[in-house]
Amino acid sequence: MQREDFTAAVPLLEQTIRARSTAYGADEPDLARWLNRLASALSRVHRTDDATRALDRALAILEKHYGDRHPNVAVLHTTRGSIAYEAGDRAGAMASYRRSLEIKEATIGKAHPSLAPTLLNLAIVESDQAEHDHALEHARRAVTVLEAAMPPTHPRLAAALAVRGRMEVEARAWAEAAATLVRARAILEPLGDKPPLDETLRTLAMLRVHEGKLIEARELAERGLKIATAAYGPSLETAHAIADVARVQVAAGEAEAARTTFAQARDMARTAAGPNHPDVIALDALTAAR
């Protein structure tokens, strides 16, 4: 799971769940944690129906023991949101993330660091839905709760800063974005060429495009693509990185090259997620517009 080798993770998780069910019973509370991991892995290999079934089982176990308003139940709603998001269901993802946030705030308070993943996921889907003010509010809040709980160079804080920087760029809060992204990069660079450094560099590339610094923007976008390709292979994530290179080409007036690059991103995304995924539809439009 940590290496994001989800194809290999699925059978190991299934074996663990079978063994625990035999040893401790089919509804022991800790089984929900393993079912949650299985649901996440299944979602990442596009087995959405199986992921949903695993998560439904996890929810049934936890709600039986703790009711429907418990922090661990909120974690499962965050996973449900991620499954919906992977499948392209933005409305479903937003509803699940908001449900998770509501339960967490009611049970552990509004400043607990475990709110951060839900806040960041909610910010991302809100940004996709052009709710930029809400996205920025939630991303900034995620950083705030992590700053209060973690050392200033913690990788989780850097990941949150990367998301906040992206939200600030999309909201055209350029000065704030510059400070946020420089800070995220300073934490992530010593950790090596791996995510979320790719996202940080790509977002910084879009900032440099805004500033008219196209040579640096190209270098940043291409390095971000290289990291994403090594980390994710052919995937939606890599397709988005390819599209960022195309955006730099557009800014540089390289219309034909940009059309080709956008088409490459679209084709990879279509293979990874199918023709009806909203990201694929958006890349179709970008390719046609060139």
Protein backbone atom coordinates (compact mmCIF):
# COMPACT_ATOMS: atom_id res chain seq x y z
CA MET A 1 0.00 0.00 0.00
CA GLN A 2 2.78 2.49 0.89
CA ARG A 3 4.47 1.83 -2.46
CA GLU A 4 1.06 2.25 -4.13
CA ASP A 5 1.33 -1.25 -5.59
CA PHE A 6 -2.39 -1.79 -5.20
CA THR A 7 -2.59 -4.82 -7.49
CA ALA A 8 -0.24 -6.68 -5.16
CA ALA A 9 -1.92 -5.31 -2.03
CA VAL A 10 -5.43 -6.56 -2.82
CA PRO A 11 -4.85 -10.33 -2.44
CA LEU A 12 -2.74 -9.78 0.69
CA LEU A 13 -5.49 -7.73 2.26
CA GLU A 14 -8.12 -10.29 1.28
CA GLN A 15 -6.03 -13.05 2.86
CA THR A 16 -5.63 -10.99 6.06
CA ILE A 17 -9.39 -10.38 6.24
CA ARG A 18 -10.19 -14.07 5.79
CA ALA A 19 -7.71 -15.03 8.49
CA ARG A 20 -8.99 -12.44 10.96
CA SER A 21 -12.61 -13.38 10.27
CA THR A 22 -11.82 -17.03 11.04
CA ALA A 23 -9.81 -16.24 14.15
CA TYR A 24 -11.87 -13.46 15.72
CA GLY A 25 -15.27 -13.50 14.07
CA ALA A 26 -16.81 -11.84 11.04
CA ASP A 27 -17.79 -8.66 12.85
CA GLU A 28 -14.86 -7.91 15.17
CA PRO A 29 -14.29 -4.13 15.23
CA ASP A 30 -10.67 -4.18 14.04
CA LEU A 31 -11.73 -6.00 10.88
CA ALA A 32 -13.25 -2.73 9.68
CA ARG A 33 -9.77 -1.20 9.49
CA TRP A 34 -8.59 -3.92 7.11
CA LEU A 35 -11.77 -3.73 5.06
CA ASN A 36 -11.22 0.01 4.75
CA ARG A 37 -7.72 -0.58 3.40
CA LEU A 38 -9.06 -3.20 1.01
CA ALA A 39 -11.71 -0.79 -0.23
CA SER A 40 -9.06 1.85 -0.90
CA ALA A 41 -6.86 -0.59 -2.81
CA LEU A 42 -9.77 -1.97 -4.84
CA SER A 43 -10.77 1.55 -5.79
CA ARG A 44 -7.29 2.30 -7.06
CA VAL A 45 -7.41 -0.72 -9.39
CA HIS A 46 -10.85 0.42 -10.61
CA ARG A 47 -12.87 -2.34 -8.93
CA THR A 48 -15.42 0.17 -7.71
CA ASP A 49 -18.25 -2.25 -6.97
CA ASP A 50 -15.98 -4.54 -4.94
CA ALA A 51 -14.58 -1.51 -3.09
CA THR A 52 -18.08 -0.36 -2.21
CA ARG A 53 -19.03 -3.81 -0.91
CA ALA A 54 -15.93 -3.97 1.29
CA LEU A 55 -16.66 -0.52 2.67
CA ASP A 56 -20.33 -1.34 3.29
CA ARG A 57 -19.22 -4.33 5.34
CA ALA A 58 -16.79 -2.17 7.31
CA LEU A 59 -19.50 0.38 8.03
CA ALA A 60 -21.94 -2.28 9.15
CA ILE A 61 -19.36 -3.62 11.62
CA LEU A 62 -18.51 -0.25 13.11
CA GLU A 63 -22.08 1.01 13.29
CA LYS A 64 -23.08 -2.21 15.08
CA HIS A 65 -20.44 -1.62 17.76
CA TYR A 66 -20.26 2.19 17.98
CA GLY A 67 -23.26 3.70 16.21
CA ASP A 68 -23.19 5.94 13.16
CA ARG A 69 -21.46 8.95 14.77
CA HIS A 70 -17.98 7.78 15.73
CA PRO A 71 -14.58 9.03 14.48
CA ASN A 72 -13.80 5.65 12.93
CA VAL A 73 -17.10 5.76 11.05
CA ALA A 74 -16.07 9.18 9.75
CA VAL A 75 -12.86 7.64 8.38
CA LEU A 76 -14.95 5.20 6.36
CA HIS A 77 -17.02 8.04 4.93
CA THR A 78 -13.78 9.68 3.81
CA THR A 79 -12.86 6.44 2.04
CA ARG A 80 -16.33 6.33 0.46
CA GLY A 81 -15.70 9.82 -0.84
CA SER A 82 -12.38 8.74 -2.33
CA ILE A 83 -14.01 5.75 -4.03
CA ALA A 84 -16.64 8.03 -5.53
CA TYR A 85 -13.96 10.48 -6.62
CA GLU A 86 -11.87 7.78 -8.30
CA ALA A 87 -15.00 6.70 -10.19
CA GLY A 88 -15.68 10.26 -11.32
CA ASP A 89 -18.70 10.82 -9.07
CA ARG A 90 -17.88 14.32 -7.83
CA ALA A 91 -21.26 14.92 -6.16
CA GLY A 92 -21.06 11.63 -4.29
CA ALA A 93 -17.51 12.35 -3.21
CA MET A 94 -18.43 15.78 -1.88
CA ALA A 95 -21.40 14.42 0.07
CA SER A 96 -19.28 11.70 1.69
CA TYR A 97 -16.44 14.05 2.60
CA ARG A 98 -18.88 16.53 4.13
CA ARG A 99 -20.53 13.74 6.11
CA SER A 100 -17.13 12.63 7.39
CA LEU A 101 -16.19 16.16 8.37
CA GLU A 102 -19.50 16.65 10.19
CA ILE A 103 -18.98 13.51 12.29
CA LYS A 104 -15.35 14.34 13.07
CA GLU A 105 -16.13 17.88 14.16
CA ALA A 106 -18.96 16.64 16.40
CA THR A 107 -16.90 13.91 18.04
CA ILE A 108 -13.27 15.06 18.20
CA GLY A 109 -13.54 18.81 17.72
CA LYS A 110 -12.66 21.24 14.95
CA ALA A 111 -8.89 21.37 15.48
CA HIS A 112 -7.89 17.70 15.58
CA PRO A 113 -5.17 16.75 13.04
CA SER A 114 -7.22 13.78 11.80
CA LEU A 115 -9.56 16.30 10.17
CA ALA A 116 -6.82 17.20 7.69
CA PRO A 117 -7.25 14.34 5.16
CA THR A 118 -10.98 14.98 4.93
CA LEU A 119 -10.49 18.72 4.61
CA LEU A 120 -7.92 18.27 1.84
CA ASN A 121 -10.03 15.77 -0.08
CA LEU A 122 -13.04 18.05 0.23
CA ALA A 123 -10.97 20.98 -1.03
CA ILE A 124 -9.89 19.03 -4.10
CA VAL A 125 -13.41 18.02 -5.12
CA GLU A 126 -14.72 21.52 -4.41
CA SER A 127 -12.02 22.91 -6.67
CA ASP A 128 -13.06 20.50 -9.41
CA GLN A 129 -16.60 21.84 -9.03
CA ALA A 130 -15.29 25.44 -9.29
CA GLU A 131 -16.12 26.16 -5.64
CA HIS A 132 -12.76 27.86 -5.24
CA ASP A 133 -13.55 29.90 -2.13
CA HIS A 134 -14.68 26.83 -0.21
CA ALA A 135 -11.74 24.81 -1.53
CA LEU A 136 -9.28 27.43 -0.39
CA GLU A 137 -10.92 27.71 3.03
CA HIS A 138 -10.73 23.96 3.63
CA ALA A 139 -7.16 23.57 2.34
CA ARG A 140 -5.93 26.40 4.53
CA ARG A 141 -7.74 24.96 7.52
CA ALA A 142 -6.09 21.58 6.93
CA VAL A 143 -2.67 23.22 7.02
CA THR A 144 -3.57 25.08 10.20
CA VAL A 145 -4.58 21.95 12.12
CA LEU A 146 -1.44 20.12 10.98
CA GLU A 147 0.82 23.05 11.87
CA ALA A 148 -0.51 22.88 15.43
CA ALA A 149 0.18 19.15 15.71
CA MET A 150 3.35 18.45 13.72
CA PRO A 151 6.95 19.61 13.30
CA PRO A 152 7.38 22.28 10.61
CA THR A 153 9.16 19.89 8.23
CA HIS A 154 6.80 16.91 8.54
CA PRO A 155 5.96 15.27 5.16
CA ARG A 156 2.22 15.27 5.91
CA LEU A 157 2.34 19.01 6.45
CA ALA A 158 4.23 19.40 3.18
CA ALA A 159 1.57 17.38 1.36
CA ALA A 160 -1.12 19.65 2.79
CA LEU A 161 0.87 22.71 1.73
CA ALA A 162 1.08 21.29 -1.80
CA VAL A 163 -2.71 21.03 -1.95
CA ARG A 164 -3.15 24.49 -0.45
CA GLY A 165 -0.76 25.93 -3.01
CA ARG A 166 -2.77 24.36 -5.80
CA MET A 167 -5.99 25.78 -4.39
CA GLU A 168 -4.37 29.23 -4.12
CA VAL A 169 -3.24 29.10 -7.74
CA GLU A 170 -6.70 28.06 -8.90
CA ALA A 171 -8.20 30.89 -6.83
CA ARG A 172 -5.60 33.28 -8.34
CA ALA A 173 -4.18 34.10 -4.93
CA TRP A 174 -0.78 34.37 -6.54
CA ALA A 175 1.32 35.86 -3.74
CA GLU A 176 -0.02 33.40 -1.18
CA ALA A 177 0.54 30.53 -3.59
CA ALA A 178 4.16 31.50 -4.15
CA ALA A 179 4.94 31.46 -0.42
CA THR A 180 3.04 28.19 0.13
CA LEU A 181 4.67 26.33 -2.75
CA VAL A 182 8.19 27.46 -1.91
CA ARG A 183 7.64 26.24 1.63
CA ALA A 184 6.27 22.87 0.46
CA ARG A 185 9.14 22.41 -1.96
CA ALA A 186 11.73 23.16 0.72
CA ILE A 187 10.35 20.31 2.84
CA LEU A 188 9.89 17.83 0.01
CA GLU A 189 13.09 18.24 -2.04
CA PRO A 190 15.34 16.60 0.60
CA LEU A 191 13.02 13.57 0.63
CA GLY A 192 13.79 12.73 -3.00
CA ASP A 193 11.93 12.67 -6.29
CA LYS A 194 8.62 11.20 -5.21
CA PRO A 195 5.03 12.39 -4.68
CA PRO A 196 3.81 14.88 -3.65
CA LEU A 197 6.87 16.75 -4.95
CA ASP A 198 5.52 16.22 -8.46
CA GLU A 199 2.31 18.10 -7.68
CA THR A 200 4.24 20.89 -5.98
CA LEU A 201 6.52 21.37 -8.99
CA ARG A 202 3.64 21.25 -11.45
CA THR A 203 1.63 23.82 -9.53
CA LEU A 204 4.72 25.99 -9.24
CA ALA A 205 5.02 25.69 -13.03
CA MET A 206 1.53 27.17 -13.43
CA LEU A 207 2.53 30.02 -11.12
CA ARG A 208 5.63 30.67 -13.25
CA VAL A 209 3.43 30.71 -16.36
CA HIS A 210 1.37 33.44 -14.72
CA GLU A 211 4.60 35.33 -14.01
CA GLY A 212 5.77 34.91 -17.61
CA LYS A 213 8.78 32.80 -16.59
CA LEU A 214 8.23 30.16 -19.26
CA ILE A 215 11.67 28.55 -19.26
CA GLU A 216 11.45 27.80 -15.55
CA ALA A 217 7.81 26.75 -15.95
CA ARG A 218 8.77 24.19 -18.59
CA GLU A 219 11.58 22.78 -16.44
CA LEU A 220 9.26 22.45 -13.45
CA ALA A 221 6.42 20.84 -15.41
CA GLU A 222 8.72 18.36 -17.13
CA ARG A 223 10.37 17.39 -13.86
CA GLY A 224 6.95 16.96 -12.26
CA LEU A 225 5.94 14.70 -15.14
CA LYS A 226 9.08 12.62 -14.76
CA ILE A 227 8.36 12.05 -11.06
CA ALA A 228 4.70 11.25 -11.69
CA THR A 229 5.56 8.79 -14.46
CA ALA A 230 8.02 6.94 -12.24
CA ALA A 231 5.59 6.88 -9.31
CA TYR A 232 2.27 6.14 -11.02
CA GLY A 233 2.96 4.76 -14.48
CA PRO A 234 0.12 5.15 -17.00
CA SER A 235 -2.64 6.65 -14.86
CA LEU A 236 -4.91 9.62 -14.31
CA GLU A 237 -2.23 11.20 -12.15
CA THR A 238 0.35 10.96 -14.92
CA ALA A 239 -2.19 12.18 -17.48
CA HIS A 240 -2.70 15.34 -15.42
CA ALA A 241 1.06 15.85 -15.31
CA ILE A 242 1.24 15.52 -19.12
CA ALA A 243 -1.55 18.08 -19.42
CA ASP A 244 0.44 20.54 -17.31
CA VAL A 245 3.32 20.28 -19.78
CA ALA A 246 0.78 21.04 -22.52
CA ARG A 247 -0.38 24.13 -20.62
CA VAL A 248 3.18 25.45 -20.62
CA GLN A 249 3.36 24.79 -24.36
CA VAL A 250 0.17 26.79 -24.85
CA ALA A 251 1.65 29.70 -22.91
CA ALA A 252 4.77 29.52 -25.07
CA GLY A 253 2.70 29.73 -28.25
CA GLU A 254 3.44 26.14 -29.28
CA ALA A 255 -0.07 25.31 -30.44
CA GLU A 256 0.68 22.17 -32.44
CA ALA A 257 2.90 20.67 -29.76
CA ALA A 258 0.27 21.46 -27.13
CA ARG A 259 -2.45 19.74 -29.16
CA THR A 260 -0.32 16.61 -29.43
CA THR A 261 0.53 16.66 -25.72
CA PHE A 262 -3.07 17.22 -24.65
CA ALA A 263 -4.10 14.29 -26.86
CA GLN A 264 -1.45 12.12 -25.20
CA ALA A 265 -2.84 13.08 -21.77
CA ARG A 266 -6.41 12.41 -22.91
CA ASP A 267 -5.56 8.98 -24.34
CA MET A 268 -3.78 7.92 -21.16
CA ALA A 269 -6.64 9.15 -18.99
CA ARG A 270 -9.20 7.37 -21.19
CA THR A 271 -7.30 4.08 -20.87
CA ALA A 272 -6.98 4.53 -17.11
CA ALA A 273 -10.51 5.67 -16.29
CA GLY A 274 -12.78 5.12 -19.29
CA PRO A 275 -14.31 7.62 -21.73
CA ASN A 276 -17.00 8.97 -19.39
CA HIS A 277 -14.80 10.02 -16.48
CA PRO A 278 -15.05 13.82 -15.97
CA ASP A 279 -11.27 14.21 -16.19
CA VAL A 280 -11.29 12.51 -19.59
CA ILE A 281 -14.12 14.72 -20.79
CA ALA A 282 -12.21 17.80 -19.66
CA LEU A 283 -9.08 16.64 -21.51
CA ASP A 284 -11.19 15.96 -24.61
CA ALA A 285 -12.31 19.59 -24.51
CA LEU A 286 -8.76 20.88 -24.04
CA THR A 287 -7.53 18.80 -26.97
CA ALA A 288 -10.35 19.97 -29.24
CA ALA A 289 -9.81 23.61 -28.26
CA ARG A 290 -6.23 23.67 -29.47
